[in-house]
């Protein structure tokens, strides 16, 4: 029989946020921040135009989050500004224990769009 999920084994779905830092050297650093989840087992995949990106990202191990009994994971991905402009990049997170499946698409760099060019 499956293990009983009691108060000692809480299940929390994760929150997923994607941030980007636009460098001056033609590189964009993307951060996928996943937090507030338990248990700590989770699958994180970067997608480029819907295709999983293998081996390029650096995903850290789950560490305790602020709320007791919850965990967080940070994943970093560096792309060139050209790739960034031409492709849709998203962070896909699957947390099987809570049945949570989320995909968050990174937004374009602030200041590139909507900049008032007189």
Foldseek 3Di string as FASTA:
>chain_A
DDDDCDPVFDFDAWDWDKDWDDDPPQKIKIKIKIWDGPDQDKDKFKAKQRHTDPDAKDKDGWDDDPDPRMTMIMIMGMDGNVSVVPIWMWMWMADPVVRDTDIGIYDDDPPPPPPDDD
